[in-house]
Amino acid sequence: MPLPLDLKARPDERVLRQLVSALLFEGIVPAYEHADNGVTTFHWSLGGQDFRCRGSVGPFGRLRLVAGSVEMREDTDGWIVPPLAQLVSALPGSGPTRGKLLDELTQTVAFCRWNERHLPERPRRAMPFAALEGALDEGHPYHPCYKARTGFSFADHAAFGPEAGRAFQLVWLLVARKQLHQAIPGNDDTFWQAELGQETWSHLQSMRQQHGAAADDFGLVPLHPWQWRELRETQLAGWIASGDVHFLGPAGDRYTATQSVRSLLNQDRPLSASLKLPLNIVNTSSRRTLEPHSVCTAPVISRWIAGIVANDAVFGDRYPLTVLQEYAGVIADRDGPLAGQVAAIWRESAEAALAAGEAVIPFNALMMVEADERPFADDWIARFGLMPWINRLIEIAVLPVWHLLVHHGLAVEAHGQNMLLVHRDGWPVRLILRDFHESIEFSPDFLREPEKAPDFAALDPVYRDAEPDRFYWTDNLDSLRELVMDTLFVFNLSEISHLLDHAYNLPEALFWQRVGSALAAYEAEHAATERLAQLGCDQPRILTESLMTRKLLAAKPEYHHTVPNTLAAPTLQRRRKS
């Protein structure tokens, strides 16, 4: 099913359009703009060729390009659709980075076409949570490599991609304890029996005995079956030969992939933990292994955030928020060549957090148009009214994240996959946040309760004497503002505002006025003017991450560019000064 501007069965057009949109948005390709009757034509030259496209400039400078409008001058009289390879070959960066980009773009198109051929259109509005996680097949609405999955074959895509919804068992390894780090609640036996159930636990214990691997010497580690296939004859071969690893085979519950591919939901016991497992694939902007330092730090960070939420009554009534704790982590070879490739993080189930009468959806479902050409939430909007529903959505989606940032000093990565919306028959009632181990930031001096922050230096030697901005802490408050505004506003709610404009003729400016009003009311209620001024949330221009620049240049972990701050409107500024 499509995003608002997509052409049916034309993933090639979408990939090209999102690539060009990113190139123009990030300023990689300087363009001349000509506006006429509300439509802007963008002209640029690249590799000796002239290009053009049409569209509009939305909030935060996000471009809304007209489908089918990206063209290249063929001769003095005609324009054609530019070949993707020709466009990519003329971009900045090295030959290898351009080659990787082209491969990822091409594979994205190929996997989308596989989905169209093999997966029937499915009504998604009434799907249960786990099924909806897989059926949200649109991928990243900004990044053009939204389904690259470099390393997957078509057979892998069918077996382990979320779209097909196929369930599979994990494989299990015994790893020498001298190679293991783990952070689990309680002792090993108690933890594993609770997680696996008695039958699977007994089976794995029997397998352990067959290998003669004593519990004091070897610990359990689950592995994605694709990852096992990739590693068994390469990086793991030496460990297997030396006896540091024993393969126990598949066992236990079956899992299905979520949108992120590496995070898995328990199909057989939906109220049990989800698992995040490393995969040596590249999707969107990064390789999907696990940051080695984060695996055993995850439970400590989760307990910290859960404590902040539990001890602030505002999160219980005014800005209802639930955090899914990542309560256990296991990793092999944390500081060695295998770092981040054999590991697991256990996360609480979203469905287990629901009360009677509640249901939950991934937040990015709200960006989508269904097969009947109506938005996913159209029935809900018809039931409650457009503006009441929008006002409630803004309150539920924005204010918990904003309160964490402004009041408590903690920035979270609140993009469409990390946020879950809890609702009652379509009325938003609560926000759920997940996935914290790689994506929080704080400044010790800006924390409301710095004494309660984790002692990171005691958790992992890599944190000792680490410079700010390398891990979770920063001495630059701009970084906190950027993480929240980037993920929540620039690349998340801007997709919602675009859909509302597209489907209901609600001007995007009106949506963002409502967001601004909610933030202004928050500021007044919590006397937060000074804290907001420190964060610089009303600056006329703000930094945002340059995802495509990073893909092309690949010399730094992150690149940034400035965009106009839609929430720095004069009316909002006047409210703050009054």
Protein backbone atom coordinates (compact mmCIF):
# COMPACT_ATOMS: atom_id res chain seq x y z
CA MET A 1 0.00 0.00 0.00
CA PRO A 2 1.27 3.49 -0.78
CA LEU A 3 2.36 6.70 0.78
CA PRO A 4 0.25 9.65 -0.39
CA LEU A 5 2.21 10.53 -3.55
CA ASP A 6 3.08 7.02 -4.71
CA LEU A 7 2.09 5.62 -8.07
CA LYS A 8 0.66 2.10 -7.83
CA ALA A 9 3.14 -0.62 -8.84
CA ARG A 10 5.88 1.93 -9.54
CA PRO A 11 8.58 1.47 -6.87
CA ASP A 12 11.15 2.60 -9.44
CA GLU A 13 9.43 5.99 -9.61
CA ARG A 14 9.23 6.25 -5.82
CA VAL A 15 12.91 5.39 -5.34
CA LEU A 16 13.95 7.98 -7.93
CA ARG A 17 11.67 10.62 -6.44
CA GLN A 18 12.84 10.03 -2.87
CA LEU A 19 16.47 10.07 -4.01
CA VAL A 20 16.03 13.42 -5.76
CA SER A 21 14.03 14.80 -2.86
CA ALA A 22 16.84 13.89 -0.45
CA LEU A 23 19.53 15.32 -2.74
CA LEU A 24 17.70 18.65 -2.97
CA PHE A 25 16.62 18.76 0.68
CA GLU A 26 20.16 18.18 1.94
CA GLY A 27 21.71 20.58 -0.56
CA ILE A 28 23.87 17.88 -2.14
CA VAL A 29 22.66 19.14 -5.50
CA PRO A 30 22.19 22.94 -5.67
CA ALA A 31 18.98 23.72 -7.51
CA TYR A 32 17.38 26.81 -8.98
CA GLU A 33 13.74 27.18 -7.93
CA HIS A 34 10.92 28.80 -9.86
CA ALA A 35 7.50 29.12 -8.23
CA ASP A 36 4.29 29.53 -10.21
CA ASN A 37 0.72 29.16 -8.89
CA GLY A 38 1.82 27.27 -5.80
CA VAL A 39 3.98 24.77 -7.67
CA THR A 40 7.76 25.02 -7.59
CA THR A 41 9.93 23.76 -10.42
CA PHE A 42 13.45 22.76 -9.43
CA HIS A 43 16.21 22.91 -12.04
CA TRP A 44 19.77 21.62 -11.61
CA SER A 45 22.72 20.35 -13.61
CA LEU A 46 24.72 17.25 -12.85
CA GLY A 47 27.33 15.38 -14.85
CA GLY A 48 26.80 17.64 -17.83
CA GLN A 49 23.04 16.97 -17.90
CA ASP A 50 20.09 19.22 -17.06
CA PHE A 51 17.41 17.93 -14.70
CA ARG A 52 14.10 19.21 -13.40
CA CYS A 53 11.19 18.21 -11.17
CA ARG A 54 8.06 19.80 -9.71
CA GLY A 55 6.72 19.95 -6.21
CA SER A 56 6.27 22.11 -3.16
CA VAL A 57 8.24 22.94 -0.06
CA GLY A 58 6.59 21.75 3.14
CA PRO A 59 7.30 22.19 6.84
CA PHE A 60 10.96 22.17 7.86
CA GLY A 61 11.86 22.51 4.19
CA ARG A 62 10.70 18.97 3.38
CA LEU A 63 10.04 18.59 -0.34
CA ARG A 64 6.81 17.14 -1.76
CA LEU A 65 7.75 16.19 -5.30
CA VAL A 66 5.05 15.45 -7.85
CA ALA A 67 5.08 11.79 -8.88
CA GLY A 68 6.55 11.31 -12.33
CA SER A 69 7.99 14.83 -12.49
CA VAL A 70 11.70 13.99 -12.22
CA GLU A 71 13.13 14.44 -15.73
CA MET A 72 16.43 14.79 -17.57
CA ARG A 73 16.88 16.77 -20.78
CA GLU A 74 17.52 14.31 -23.60
CA ASP A 75 18.12 16.88 -26.32
CA THR A 76 17.10 20.44 -27.06
CA ASP A 77 13.44 19.51 -27.43
CA GLY A 78 12.67 16.61 -25.12
CA TRP A 79 12.81 15.39 -21.51
CA ILE A 80 12.96 11.78 -20.31
CA VAL A 81 12.97 9.90 -17.01
CA PRO A 82 16.65 9.80 -16.00
CA PRO A 83 18.23 6.37 -15.73
CA LEU A 84 18.97 5.75 -12.07
CA ALA A 85 22.53 4.60 -12.79
CA GLN A 86 23.31 7.74 -14.78
CA LEU A 87 22.01 10.01 -12.01
CA VAL A 88 23.90 8.18 -9.26
CA SER A 89 27.16 8.06 -11.24
CA ALA A 90 27.26 11.87 -11.32
CA LEU A 91 26.79 12.35 -7.57
CA PRO A 92 29.50 13.40 -5.09
CA GLY A 93 31.39 10.73 -3.19
CA SER A 94 33.73 7.95 -4.19
CA GLY A 95 33.17 5.25 -6.77
CA PRO A 96 32.61 2.58 -4.08
CA THR A 97 30.04 4.64 -2.16
CA ARG A 98 28.14 5.47 -5.34
CA GLY A 99 28.28 1.81 -6.36
CA LYS A 100 26.88 0.72 -2.98
CA LEU A 101 24.15 3.33 -3.20
CA LEU A 102 23.11 2.16 -6.66
CA ASP A 103 23.06 -1.46 -5.49
CA GLU A 104 20.84 -0.54 -2.53
CA LEU A 105 18.47 1.52 -4.67
CA THR A 106 18.21 -1.28 -7.22
CA GLN A 107 17.59 -3.91 -4.57
CA THR A 108 14.93 -1.72 -2.95
CA VAL A 109 13.04 -1.64 -6.25
CA ALA A 110 13.51 -5.40 -6.71
CA PHE A 111 12.18 -6.31 -3.26
CA CYS A 112 9.20 -3.97 -3.69
CA ARG A 113 8.37 -5.67 -6.98
CA TRP A 114 8.69 -9.08 -5.32
CA ASN A 115 6.16 -7.94 -2.72
CA GLU A 116 3.76 -6.82 -5.44
CA ARG A 117 4.02 -10.14 -7.26
CA HIS A 118 3.80 -12.45 -4.26
CA LEU A 119 1.82 -10.70 -1.53
CA PRO A 120 -1.89 -9.99 -1.96
CA GLU A 121 -3.35 -6.65 -0.95
CA ARG A 122 -4.48 -7.01 2.63
CA PRO A 123 -6.98 -4.95 4.62
CA ARG A 124 -4.80 -3.64 7.43
CA ARG A 125 -7.07 -1.53 9.62
CA ALA A 126 -8.37 -4.46 11.65
CA MET A 127 -5.08 -6.36 11.84
CA PRO A 128 -3.68 -7.31 15.24
CA PHE A 129 -0.46 -5.60 16.23
CA ALA A 130 2.04 -8.28 15.16
CA ALA A 131 0.44 -8.76 11.77
CA LEU A 132 0.29 -5.00 11.20
CA GLU A 133 4.00 -4.67 12.04
CA GLY A 134 4.77 -6.93 9.09
CA ALA A 135 2.12 -5.60 6.75
CA LEU A 136 3.38 -2.01 6.97
CA ASP A 137 5.52 -2.62 3.91
CA GLU A 138 6.01 0.97 2.71
CA GLY A 139 9.34 1.45 4.47
CA HIS A 140 11.07 4.74 5.27
CA PRO A 141 9.12 7.65 3.72
CA TYR A 142 12.29 9.76 3.24
CA HIS A 143 15.28 7.49 2.69
CA PRO A 144 15.35 6.07 -0.87
CA CYS A 145 17.08 2.83 0.22
CA TYR A 146 14.04 1.93 2.30
CA LYS A 147 14.06 -1.78 1.46
CA ALA A 148 17.69 -2.44 0.49
CA ARG A 149 18.46 -5.29 2.92
CA THR A 150 21.84 -5.80 1.30
CA GLY A 151 22.83 -9.41 1.93
CA PHE A 152 19.32 -10.83 1.59
CA SER A 153 18.39 -12.94 -1.42
CA PHE A 154 14.80 -13.14 -2.61
CA ALA A 155 14.51 -16.39 -0.64
CA ASP A 156 15.79 -14.60 2.49
CA HIS A 157 13.39 -11.73 1.87
CA ALA A 158 10.52 -14.23 1.72
CA ALA A 159 11.65 -16.18 4.78
CA PHE A 160 12.84 -13.41 7.09
CA GLY A 161 11.40 -10.14 5.81
CA PRO A 162 8.43 -8.78 7.74
CA GLU A 163 6.10 -8.50 4.73
CA ALA A 164 5.53 -12.22 4.17
CA GLY A 165 4.96 -12.71 7.89
CA ARG A 166 6.60 -16.12 8.00
CA ALA A 167 7.42 -17.45 11.46
CA PHE A 168 10.73 -19.10 12.24
CA GLN A 169 12.62 -20.46 15.20
CA LEU A 170 15.85 -19.02 16.47
CA VAL A 171 18.99 -21.11 16.54
CA TRP A 172 20.92 -21.53 19.75
CA LEU A 173 24.61 -21.51 20.57
CA LEU A 174 26.60 -22.41 23.63
CA VAL A 175 29.42 -19.88 23.88
CA ALA A 176 32.38 -20.13 26.22
CA ARG A 177 31.79 -17.80 29.16
CA LYS A 178 35.24 -16.29 28.73
CA GLN A 179 33.85 -14.83 25.49
CA LEU A 180 30.52 -13.66 26.97
CA HIS A 181 29.19 -10.55 28.64
CA GLN A 182 25.63 -10.53 29.88
CA ALA A 183 23.21 -8.40 31.86
CA ILE A 184 20.21 -10.50 32.87
CA PRO A 185 17.84 -10.31 35.82
CA GLY A 186 18.51 -12.99 38.42
CA ASN A 187 20.63 -16.06 37.85
CA ASP A 188 20.98 -17.95 34.58
CA ASP A 189 18.65 -20.84 35.36
CA THR A 190 15.82 -18.61 36.58
CA PHE A 191 16.14 -16.26 33.62
CA TRP A 192 16.25 -18.92 30.94
CA GLN A 193 13.44 -21.02 32.36
CA ALA A 194 11.22 -17.94 32.50
CA GLU A 195 12.11 -16.87 28.97
CA LEU A 196 12.07 -20.23 27.24
CA GLY A 197 9.48 -22.24 29.12
CA GLN A 198 10.21 -25.56 30.73
CA GLU A 199 10.02 -27.70 27.60
CA THR A 200 12.52 -25.67 25.55
CA TRP A 201 14.77 -25.16 28.55
CA SER A 202 14.89 -28.92 29.17
CA HIS A 203 15.62 -29.59 25.49
CA LEU A 204 18.54 -27.15 25.43
CA GLN A 205 19.87 -28.56 28.69
CA SER A 206 19.79 -32.01 27.15
CA MET A 207 21.69 -30.70 24.12
CA ARG A 208 24.21 -29.08 26.47
CA GLN A 209 24.85 -32.42 28.14
CA GLN A 210 25.35 -34.12 24.76
CA HIS A 211 28.11 -31.62 23.99
CA GLY A 212 29.65 -32.00 27.43
CA ALA A 213 29.51 -28.24 27.95
CA ALA A 214 29.14 -27.44 31.63
CA ALA A 215 26.86 -24.54 32.61
CA ASP A 216 29.72 -22.89 34.50
CA ASP A 217 31.79 -22.83 31.32
CA PHE A 218 29.24 -22.09 28.56
CA GLY A 219 26.30 -19.72 28.29
CA LEU A 220 23.32 -19.66 25.94
CA VAL A 221 23.02 -17.16 23.10
CA PRO A 222 20.15 -17.05 20.55
CA LEU A 223 20.97 -16.18 16.96
CA HIS A 224 18.92 -15.27 13.93
CA PRO A 225 19.03 -18.27 11.53
CA TRP A 226 20.21 -16.02 8.68
CA GLN A 227 23.03 -14.70 10.84
CA TRP A 228 24.09 -18.24 11.76
CA ARG A 229 24.23 -19.17 8.08
CA GLU A 230 26.39 -16.15 7.35
CA LEU A 231 28.82 -16.66 10.24
CA ARG A 232 29.17 -20.40 10.69
CA GLU A 233 31.81 -20.88 8.00
CA THR A 234 33.42 -17.46 8.36
CA GLN A 235 33.86 -15.49 11.61
CA LEU A 236 32.54 -18.32 13.83
CA ALA A 237 34.46 -21.13 12.15
CA GLY A 238 37.51 -20.71 14.38
CA TRP A 239 35.47 -20.69 17.57
CA ILE A 240 33.61 -23.81 16.47
CA ALA A 241 36.85 -25.60 15.67
CA SER A 242 38.39 -24.62 19.01
CA GLY A 243 35.34 -25.71 20.98
CA ASP A 244 34.42 -22.20 22.17
CA VAL A 245 31.07 -22.47 20.36
CA HIS A 246 28.65 -25.40 20.17
CA PHE A 247 25.66 -25.28 17.83
CA LEU A 248 22.46 -26.58 19.43
CA GLY A 249 20.15 -26.05 16.44
CA PRO A 250 16.71 -24.43 16.25
CA ALA A 251 14.50 -24.56 19.32
CA GLY A 252 11.68 -22.82 21.11
CA ASP A 253 9.05 -20.30 20.13
CA ARG A 254 8.55 -19.03 16.60
CA TYR A 255 9.14 -15.37 15.81
CA THR A 256 8.11 -12.95 13.07
CA ALA A 257 10.04 -9.92 11.92
CA THR A 258 8.95 -6.36 12.61
CA GLN A 259 9.47 -3.45 10.22
CA SER A 260 13.06 -3.11 11.39
CA VAL A 261 13.75 -6.74 10.29
CA ARG A 262 16.16 -7.46 13.16
CA SER A 263 13.57 -6.98 15.93
CA LEU A 264 11.34 -10.04 16.29
CA LEU A 265 7.94 -10.60 17.88
CA ASN A 266 7.06 -13.85 19.62
CA GLN A 267 4.27 -15.41 17.57
CA ASP A 268 3.59 -18.34 19.89
CA ARG A 269 3.49 -16.24 23.07
CA PRO A 270 2.67 -12.64 22.09
CA LEU A 271 2.86 -11.40 25.69
CA SER A 272 6.43 -12.63 26.01
CA ALA A 273 9.47 -10.57 25.14
CA SER A 274 10.42 -9.43 21.69
CA LEU A 275 14.04 -9.99 20.72
CA LYS A 276 16.47 -7.74 18.91
CA LEU A 277 19.14 -9.75 17.10
CA PRO A 278 22.02 -8.55 14.92
CA LEU A 279 21.94 -9.01 11.16
CA ASN A 280 24.86 -8.29 8.86
CA ILE A 281 22.61 -6.55 6.37
CA VAL A 282 22.48 -2.91 5.33
CA ASN A 283 19.07 -1.25 5.34
CA THR A 284 18.39 2.49 4.86
CA SER A 285 21.46 4.12 6.36
CA SER A 286 23.33 1.53 8.43
CA ARG A 287 24.44 -2.05 8.98
CA ARG A 288 21.98 -3.79 11.28
CA THR A 289 24.31 -5.32 13.83
CA LEU A 290 24.16 -4.21 17.47
CA GLU A 291 26.44 -1.59 18.97
CA PRO A 292 28.63 -3.78 21.23
CA HIS A 293 28.71 -1.36 24.16
CA SER A 294 24.92 -0.99 24.15
CA VAL A 295 23.85 -4.60 24.64
CA CYS A 296 24.58 -4.90 28.35
CA THR A 297 23.98 -1.20 28.95
CA ALA A 298 20.42 -1.47 27.60
CA PRO A 299 18.84 -2.80 30.83
CA VAL A 300 20.43 -0.04 32.91
CA ILE A 301 19.21 2.67 30.52
CA SER A 302 15.73 1.13 30.47
CA ARG A 303 15.49 1.04 34.24
CA TRP A 304 16.60 4.67 34.38
CA ILE A 305 13.99 5.85 31.89
CA ALA A 306 11.26 3.69 33.43
CA GLY A 307 12.10 5.21 36.82
CA ILE A 308 11.82 8.75 35.43
CA VAL A 309 8.38 7.94 34.02
CA ALA A 310 7.15 6.08 37.09
CA ASN A 311 8.22 8.84 39.49
CA ASP A 312 6.60 11.70 37.57
CA ALA A 313 2.83 11.67 38.00
CA VAL A 314 2.46 13.83 34.89
CA PHE A 315 3.25 10.77 32.77
CA GLY A 316 0.38 8.92 34.39
CA ASP A 317 -2.40 11.41 33.75
CA ARG A 318 -1.47 14.47 31.66
CA TYR A 319 1.00 12.90 29.20
CA PRO A 320 0.39 9.16 29.47
CA LEU A 321 3.51 7.24 28.53
CA THR A 322 4.70 3.65 28.70
CA VAL A 323 8.28 2.60 27.99
CA LEU A 324 9.04 -0.92 26.82
CA GLN A 325 12.06 -1.87 28.86
CA GLU A 326 15.00 -3.67 27.33
CA TYR A 327 15.57 -5.75 30.40
CA ALA A 328 18.28 -8.23 29.39
CA GLY A 329 21.26 -8.41 27.06
CA VAL A 330 23.83 -11.02 26.07
CA ILE A 331 26.81 -10.51 23.75
CA ALA A 332 29.76 -12.61 22.60
CA ASP A 333 33.20 -11.15 21.86
CA ARG A 334 32.14 -7.66 22.92
CA ASP A 335 35.59 -6.21 22.37
CA GLY A 336 36.78 -8.47 19.57
CA PRO A 337 36.34 -9.05 15.83
CA LEU A 338 32.83 -10.49 16.27
CA ALA A 339 31.64 -7.50 18.29
CA GLY A 340 27.97 -6.78 17.72
CA GLN A 341 27.36 -9.81 15.47
CA VAL A 342 26.43 -12.44 18.09
CA ALA A 343 24.18 -10.84 20.67
CA ALA A 344 20.59 -10.40 21.83
CA ILE A 345 18.47 -7.82 23.63
CA TRP A 346 15.16 -8.74 25.27
CA ARG A 347 12.38 -6.13 25.22
CA GLU A 348 9.00 -6.12 26.94
CA SER A 349 5.97 -6.93 24.80
CA ALA A 350 3.79 -4.03 23.70
CA GLU A 351 0.68 -6.20 23.85
CA ALA A 352 1.44 -7.11 27.46
CA ALA A 353 1.26 -3.39 28.31
CA LEU A 354 -2.35 -3.00 27.15
CA ALA A 355 -5.36 -2.61 29.43
CA ALA A 356 -8.80 -4.01 28.67
CA GLY A 357 -10.32 -2.26 25.64
CA GLU A 358 -7.00 -0.91 24.38
CA ALA A 359 -5.31 -1.68 21.08
CA VAL A 360 -1.92 -0.64 19.74
CA ILE A 361 -0.51 0.24 16.32
CA PRO A 362 2.92 1.30 15.08
CA PHE A 363 2.77 5.08 14.84
CA ASN A 364 3.87 5.16 11.21
CA ALA A 365 0.65 3.38 10.20
CA LEU A 366 -0.91 6.84 10.47
CA MET A 367 1.20 8.00 7.50
CA MET A 368 -0.24 5.43 5.13
CA VAL A 369 -3.00 5.18 2.54
CA GLU A 370 -4.80 1.85 2.28
CA ALA A 371 -5.80 -0.17 -0.78
CA ASP A 372 -9.19 1.58 -0.83
CA GLU A 373 -7.30 4.89 -1.25
CA ARG A 374 -8.35 6.14 2.16
CA PRO A 375 -5.91 6.90 5.01
CA PHE A 376 -5.36 4.17 7.58
CA ALA A 377 -7.08 6.29 10.25
CA ASP A 378 -9.97 7.48 8.04
CA ASP A 379 -12.69 5.61 9.94
CA TRP A 380 -11.42 7.00 13.23
CA ILE A 381 -11.32 10.53 11.89
CA ALA A 382 -14.88 10.16 10.57
CA ARG A 383 -16.00 8.88 13.96
CA PHE A 384 -14.46 11.59 16.13
CA GLY A 385 -14.10 14.53 13.74
CA LEU A 386 -10.94 15.73 12.04
CA MET A 387 -9.83 18.51 14.38
CA PRO A 388 -10.74 16.80 17.67
CA TRP A 389 -8.84 13.72 16.58
CA ILE A 390 -5.82 15.72 15.39
CA ASN A 391 -5.70 17.75 18.60
CA ARG A 392 -5.81 14.57 20.66
CA LEU A 393 -3.14 12.90 18.52
CA ILE A 394 -0.80 15.87 18.96
CA GLU A 395 -1.34 15.85 22.70
CA ILE A 396 -0.67 12.12 23.00
CA ALA A 397 2.24 11.91 20.52
CA VAL A 398 4.13 15.12 21.21
CA LEU A 399 3.82 16.10 24.84
CA PRO A 400 5.27 12.96 26.52
CA VAL A 401 8.39 13.19 24.34
CA TRP A 402 8.56 16.96 24.89
CA HIS A 403 8.24 16.57 28.68
CA LEU A 404 11.05 14.02 28.73
CA LEU A 405 13.24 16.51 26.89
CA VAL A 406 12.31 19.86 28.38
CA HIS A 407 11.53 18.92 31.96
CA HIS A 408 13.77 15.89 32.51
CA GLY A 409 16.59 16.64 30.04
CA LEU A 410 16.39 13.31 28.21
CA ALA A 411 16.21 13.17 24.41
CA VAL A 412 14.78 10.05 22.76
CA GLU A 413 14.68 9.05 19.11
CA ALA A 414 10.94 9.40 18.52
CA HIS A 415 10.54 8.35 14.90
CA GLY A 416 7.62 6.44 13.43
CA GLN A 417 8.88 2.93 14.22
CA ASN A 418 9.99 3.68 17.77
CA MET A 419 6.58 5.10 18.72
CA LEU A 420 3.45 3.02 19.23
CA LEU A 421 -0.01 4.55 19.57
CA VAL A 422 -2.42 3.02 22.07
CA HIS A 423 -6.06 3.75 21.25
CA ARG A 424 -9.60 2.85 22.18
CA ASP A 425 -11.66 2.32 19.03
CA GLY A 426 -9.42 4.84 17.28
CA TRP A 427 -9.28 7.51 20.00
CA PRO A 428 -5.62 8.07 21.03
CA VAL A 429 -5.13 7.35 24.71
CA ARG A 430 -1.42 6.70 25.32
CA LEU A 431 2.04 6.65 23.78
CA ILE A 432 4.46 3.73 24.00
CA LEU A 433 8.16 4.30 23.32
CA ARG A 434 10.69 1.58 22.54
CA ASP A 435 14.28 1.05 21.43
CA PHE A 436 16.50 3.08 23.76
CA HIS A 437 19.84 1.27 23.83
CA GLU A 438 21.36 3.14 20.86
CA SER A 439 19.19 6.22 20.68
CA ILE A 440 19.05 8.43 23.76
CA GLU A 441 21.06 11.53 24.59
CA PHE A 442 21.45 13.71 27.65
CA SER A 443 23.62 16.48 29.01
CA PRO A 444 24.53 15.87 32.67
CA ASP A 445 24.11 19.56 33.55
CA PHE A 446 20.64 19.68 31.97
CA LEU A 447 19.23 16.58 33.66
CA ARG A 448 16.53 17.22 36.21
CA GLU A 449 18.01 14.55 38.49
CA PRO A 450 21.62 13.96 37.40
CA GLU A 451 22.33 11.85 40.47
CA LYS A 452 20.00 9.15 39.16
CA ALA A 453 21.76 8.78 35.79
CA PRO A 454 23.62 5.50 35.24
CA ASP A 455 27.28 5.26 36.17
CA PHE A 456 28.38 4.52 32.63
CA ALA A 457 32.07 4.28 33.50
CA ALA A 458 31.27 1.29 35.72
CA LEU A 459 29.30 -0.47 32.97
CA ASP A 460 31.93 -0.78 30.27
CA PRO A 461 35.58 0.30 30.01
CA VAL A 462 34.83 1.90 26.63
CA TYR A 463 32.86 4.64 28.40
CA ARG A 464 35.78 5.69 30.60
CA ASP A 465 37.34 8.95 29.49
CA ALA A 466 35.12 8.97 26.37
CA GLU A 467 34.60 12.37 24.79
CA PRO A 468 31.09 13.91 24.76
CA ASP A 469 28.94 13.00 21.75
CA ARG A 470 30.62 9.63 21.30
CA PHE A 471 28.05 7.70 23.30
CA TYR A 472 24.96 8.90 25.19
CA TRP A 473 26.10 12.13 26.81
CA THR A 474 26.83 15.50 25.28
CA ASP A 475 27.89 18.94 26.42
CA ASN A 476 25.91 20.56 23.61
CA LEU A 477 22.21 21.11 24.23
CA ASP A 478 21.70 21.61 20.50
CA SER A 479 22.26 17.87 20.14
CA LEU A 480 19.31 17.13 22.42
CA ARG A 481 17.03 19.50 20.55
CA GLU A 482 18.16 18.08 17.23
CA LEU A 483 17.51 14.45 18.16
CA VAL A 484 13.95 15.13 19.30
CA MET A 485 12.91 17.70 16.71
CA ASP A 486 14.61 15.75 13.92
CA THR A 487 12.91 12.45 14.63
CA LEU A 488 9.56 13.62 16.01
CA PHE A 489 8.92 16.62 13.76
CA VAL A 490 11.14 16.73 10.65
CA PHE A 491 10.90 13.03 9.71
CA ASN A 492 7.78 11.85 11.55
CA LEU A 493 4.90 14.25 12.14
CA SER A 494 5.70 16.04 8.87
CA GLU A 495 4.53 12.84 7.14
CA ILE A 496 1.28 12.96 9.11
CA SER A 497 0.71 16.62 8.21
CA HIS A 498 1.39 15.83 4.56
CA LEU A 499 -1.18 13.02 4.55
CA LEU A 500 -3.79 15.23 6.22
CA ASP A 501 -3.22 17.91 3.58
CA HIS A 502 -3.37 15.33 0.79
CA ALA A 503 -6.48 13.49 2.02
CA TYR A 504 -8.51 16.14 3.86
CA ASN A 505 -7.29 19.42 2.36
CA LEU A 506 -6.09 20.46 5.79
CA PRO A 507 -3.25 22.95 5.18
CA GLU A 508 -0.03 21.73 6.73
CA ALA A 509 0.44 25.17 8.25
CA LEU A 510 -2.74 24.66 10.29
CA PHE A 511 -1.52 21.32 11.64
CA TRP A 512 1.76 22.89 12.74
CA GLN A 513 -0.07 25.82 14.30
CA ARG A 514 -1.86 23.26 16.46
CA VAL A 515 1.49 21.69 17.39
CA GLY A 516 2.85 25.15 18.21
CA SER A 517 -0.19 25.90 20.37
CA ALA A 518 0.28 22.65 22.30
CA LEU A 519 3.95 23.48 22.91
CA ALA A 520 3.11 27.03 23.94
CA ALA A 521 0.53 25.74 26.42
CA TYR A 522 3.11 23.29 27.76
CA GLU A 523 5.60 26.12 28.23
CA ALA A 524 3.13 28.21 30.18
CA GLU A 525 1.88 25.34 32.34
CA HIS A 526 5.38 24.19 33.34
CA ALA A 527 7.09 27.59 33.44
CA ALA A 528 9.57 26.14 30.95
CA THR A 529 10.66 29.31 29.14
CA GLU A 530 14.20 29.25 30.52
CA ARG A 531 14.70 25.54 29.78
CA LEU A 532 13.36 25.98 26.25
CA ALA A 533 15.62 28.95 25.69
CA GLN A 534 18.60 26.83 26.68
CA LEU A 535 17.56 24.21 24.12
CA GLY A 536 17.00 26.83 21.41
CA CYS A 537 13.79 25.22 20.20
CA ASP A 538 12.50 28.46 18.63
CA GLN A 539 15.58 29.26 16.52
CA PRO A 540 14.58 30.23 12.96
CA ARG A 541 16.80 27.49 11.54
CA ILE A 542 17.70 24.16 13.14
CA LEU A 543 20.04 21.29 12.31
CA THR A 544 18.75 18.04 10.92
CA GLU A 545 20.57 14.85 10.00
CA SER A 546 21.74 14.49 6.39
CA LEU A 547 21.04 10.82 5.76
CA MET A 548 21.87 10.82 2.05
CA THR A 549 25.05 12.86 2.55
CA ARG A 550 26.21 10.25 5.02
CA LYS A 551 25.46 7.50 2.53
CA LEU A 552 27.48 9.21 -0.21
CA LEU A 553 30.44 10.62 1.69
CA ALA A 554 30.74 7.98 4.44
CA ALA A 555 33.66 9.70 6.18
CA LYS A 556 31.88 10.60 9.45
CA PRO A 557 29.21 8.90 11.61
CA GLU A 558 26.80 11.79 11.02
CA TYR A 559 26.31 14.75 8.69
CA HIS A 560 23.92 17.66 9.24
CA HIS A 561 22.37 20.57 7.42
CA THR A 562 20.09 23.42 8.51
CA VAL A 563 16.39 23.66 7.74
CA PRO A 564 13.76 26.31 8.50
CA ASN A 565 12.13 25.74 11.86
CA THR A 566 8.38 25.60 11.28
CA LEU A 567 7.82 25.91 15.03
CA ALA A 568 9.61 29.28 15.17
CA ALA A 569 6.53 31.03 13.76
CA PRO A 570 6.11 34.68 14.82
CA THR A 571 2.85 33.92 16.63
CA LEU A 572 4.54 31.26 18.75
CA GLN A 573 7.48 33.55 19.47
CA ARG A 574 5.11 36.31 20.61
CA ARG A 575 3.38 33.91 22.99
CA ARG A 576 6.72 32.99 24.53
CA LYS A 577 7.69 36.62 25.02
CA SER A 578 4.40 37.62 26.58
